[in-house]
Amino acid sequence: MTKEQRQQALDEARKAGIDLDLLDLNLSLSVAERWRQHDEALALVEKLEAARKSRDDAVQPSPATHR
């Protein structure tokens, strides 16, 4: 790939909304650090999902909407 082709590909990626700075930042981290961040994000998602389920379980349909 030529320098011009590389630059064109990067420009197209930016126009498509890809955050290349974020990609560079993540790739600068060690694999262990990326896994740690992933595990933290997963734990947050699981906590939010449990909170949503708890909230949904506590909500009872009203007689007017329950058919």
C-alpha atoms as a PDB file:
ATOM      1  CA  MET A   1       0.000   0.000   0.000  1.00  0.00           C
ATOM      2  CA  THR A   2       1.397   3.368  -0.974  1.00  0.00           C
ATOM      3  CA  LYS A   3       1.536   6.333   1.373  1.00  0.00           C
ATOM      4  CA  GLU A   4      -1.262   7.999  -0.585  1.00  0.00           C
ATOM      5  CA  GLN A   5      -3.457   4.887  -0.410  1.00  0.00           C
ATOM      6  CA  ARG A   6      -2.842   4.616   3.317  1.00  0.00           C
ATOM      7  CA  GLN A   7      -3.810   8.249   3.843  1.00  0.00           C
ATOM      8  CA  GLN A   8      -6.930   7.800   1.698  1.00  0.00           C
ATOM      9  CA  ALA A   9      -7.941   4.750   3.744  1.00  0.00           C
ATOM     10  CA  LEU A  10      -7.449   6.686   6.993  1.00  0.00           C
ATOM     11  CA  ASP A  11      -9.463   9.632   5.661  1.00  0.00           C
ATOM     12  CA  GLU A  12     -12.299   7.318   4.606  1.00  0.00           C
ATOM     13  CA  ALA A  13     -12.294   5.660   8.019  1.00  0.00           C
ATOM     14  CA  ARG A  14     -12.550   9.059   9.737  1.00  0.00           C
ATOM     15  CA  LYS A  15     -15.392  10.104   7.407  1.00  0.00           C
ATOM     16  CA  ALA A  16     -17.179   6.855   8.296  1.00  0.00           C
ATOM     17  CA  GLY A  17     -17.035   7.847  11.959  1.00  0.00           C
ATOM     18  CA  ILE A  18     -14.249   5.557  13.122  1.00  0.00           C
ATOM     19  CA  ASP A  19     -12.359   7.057  16.072  1.00  0.00           C
ATOM     20  CA  LEU A  20      -8.781   6.354  15.034  1.00  0.00           C
ATOM     21  CA  ASP A  21      -7.374   8.122  18.103  1.00  0.00           C
ATOM     22  CA  LEU A  22      -9.310   5.741  20.338  1.00  0.00           C
ATOM     23  CA  LEU A  23      -8.022   2.785  18.337  1.00  0.00           C
ATOM     24  CA  ASP A  24      -4.448   4.047  18.696  1.00  0.00           C
ATOM     25  CA  LEU A  25      -4.933   4.553  22.421  1.00  0.00           C
ATOM     26  CA  ASN A  26      -6.321   1.056  22.933  1.00  0.00           C
ATOM     27  CA  LEU A  27      -3.579  -0.519  20.857  1.00  0.00           C
ATOM     28  CA  SER A  28      -0.976   1.279  22.976  1.00  0.00           C
ATOM     29  CA  LEU A  29      -2.226  -0.638  26.028  1.00  0.00           C
ATOM     30  CA  SER A  30      -0.943  -4.051  26.935  1.00  0.00           C
ATOM     31  CA  VAL A  31      -3.176  -7.036  26.291  1.00  0.00           C
ATOM     32  CA  ALA A  32      -3.547  -7.481  30.050  1.00  0.00           C
ATOM     33  CA  GLU A  33      -4.720  -3.873  30.436  1.00  0.00           C
ATOM     34  CA  ARG A  34      -7.231  -4.239  27.593  1.00  0.00           C
ATOM     35  CA  TRP A  35      -8.588  -7.416  29.233  1.00  0.00           C
ATOM     36  CA  ARG A  36      -8.830  -5.599  32.583  1.00  0.00           C
ATOM     37  CA  GLN A  37     -10.834  -2.781  30.977  1.00  0.00           C
ATOM     38  CA  HIS A  38     -13.028  -5.301  29.206  1.00  0.00           C
ATOM     39  CA  ASP A  39     -13.729  -7.142  32.455  1.00  0.00           C
ATOM     40  CA  GLU A  40     -14.629  -3.865  34.201  1.00  0.00           C
ATOM     41  CA  ALA A  41     -17.003  -2.905  31.378  1.00  0.00           C
ATOM     42  CA  LEU A  42     -18.585  -6.357  31.432  1.00  0.00           C
ATOM     43  CA  ALA A  43     -19.100  -6.161  35.193  1.00  0.00           C
ATOM     44  CA  LEU A  44     -20.828  -2.779  34.750  1.00  0.00           C
ATOM     45  CA  VAL A  45     -23.104  -4.157  32.021  1.00  0.00           C
ATOM     46  CA  GLU A  46     -24.022  -7.123  34.217  1.00  0.00           C
ATOM     47  CA  LYS A  47     -24.757  -4.802  37.163  1.00  0.00           C
ATOM     48  CA  LEU A  48     -26.953  -2.563  34.993  1.00  0.00           C
ATOM     49  CA  GLU A  49     -28.780  -5.574  33.562  1.00  0.00           C
ATOM     50  CA  ALA A  50     -29.465  -6.902  37.066  1.00  0.00           C
ATOM     51  CA  ALA A  51     -30.772  -3.475  38.120  1.00  0.00           C
ATOM     52  CA  ARG A  52     -33.056  -3.333  35.070  1.00  0.00           C
ATOM     53  CA  LYS A  53     -34.374  -6.821  35.787  1.00  0.00           C
ATOM     54  CA  SER A  54     -34.986  -5.940  39.429  1.00  0.00           C
ATOM     55  CA  ARG A  55     -36.840  -2.785  38.416  1.00  0.00           C
ATOM     56  CA  ASP A  56     -38.905  -4.643  35.819  1.00  0.00           C
ATOM     57  CA  ASP A  57     -39.791  -7.398  38.302  1.00  0.00           C
ATOM     58  CA  ALA A  58     -41.036  -4.762  40.762  1.00  0.00           C
ATOM     59  CA  VAL A  59     -43.316  -3.075  38.230  1.00  0.00           C
ATOM     60  CA  GLN A  60     -46.810  -4.522  38.063  1.00  0.00           C
ATOM     61  CA  PRO A  61     -49.017  -3.830  35.044  1.00  0.00           C
ATOM     62  CA  SER A  62     -52.018  -1.649  35.844  1.00  0.00           C
ATOM     63  CA  PRO A  63     -55.471  -3.211  35.344  1.00  0.00           C
ATOM     64  CA  ALA A  64     -56.224  -0.796  32.500  1.00  0.00           C
ATOM     65  CA  THR A  65     -53.163  -1.878  30.504  1.00  0.00           C
ATOM     66  CA  HIS A  66     -53.255  -5.564  31.418  1.00  0.00           C
ATOM     67  CA  ARG A  67     -55.521  -7.480  29.028  1.00  0.00           C
END
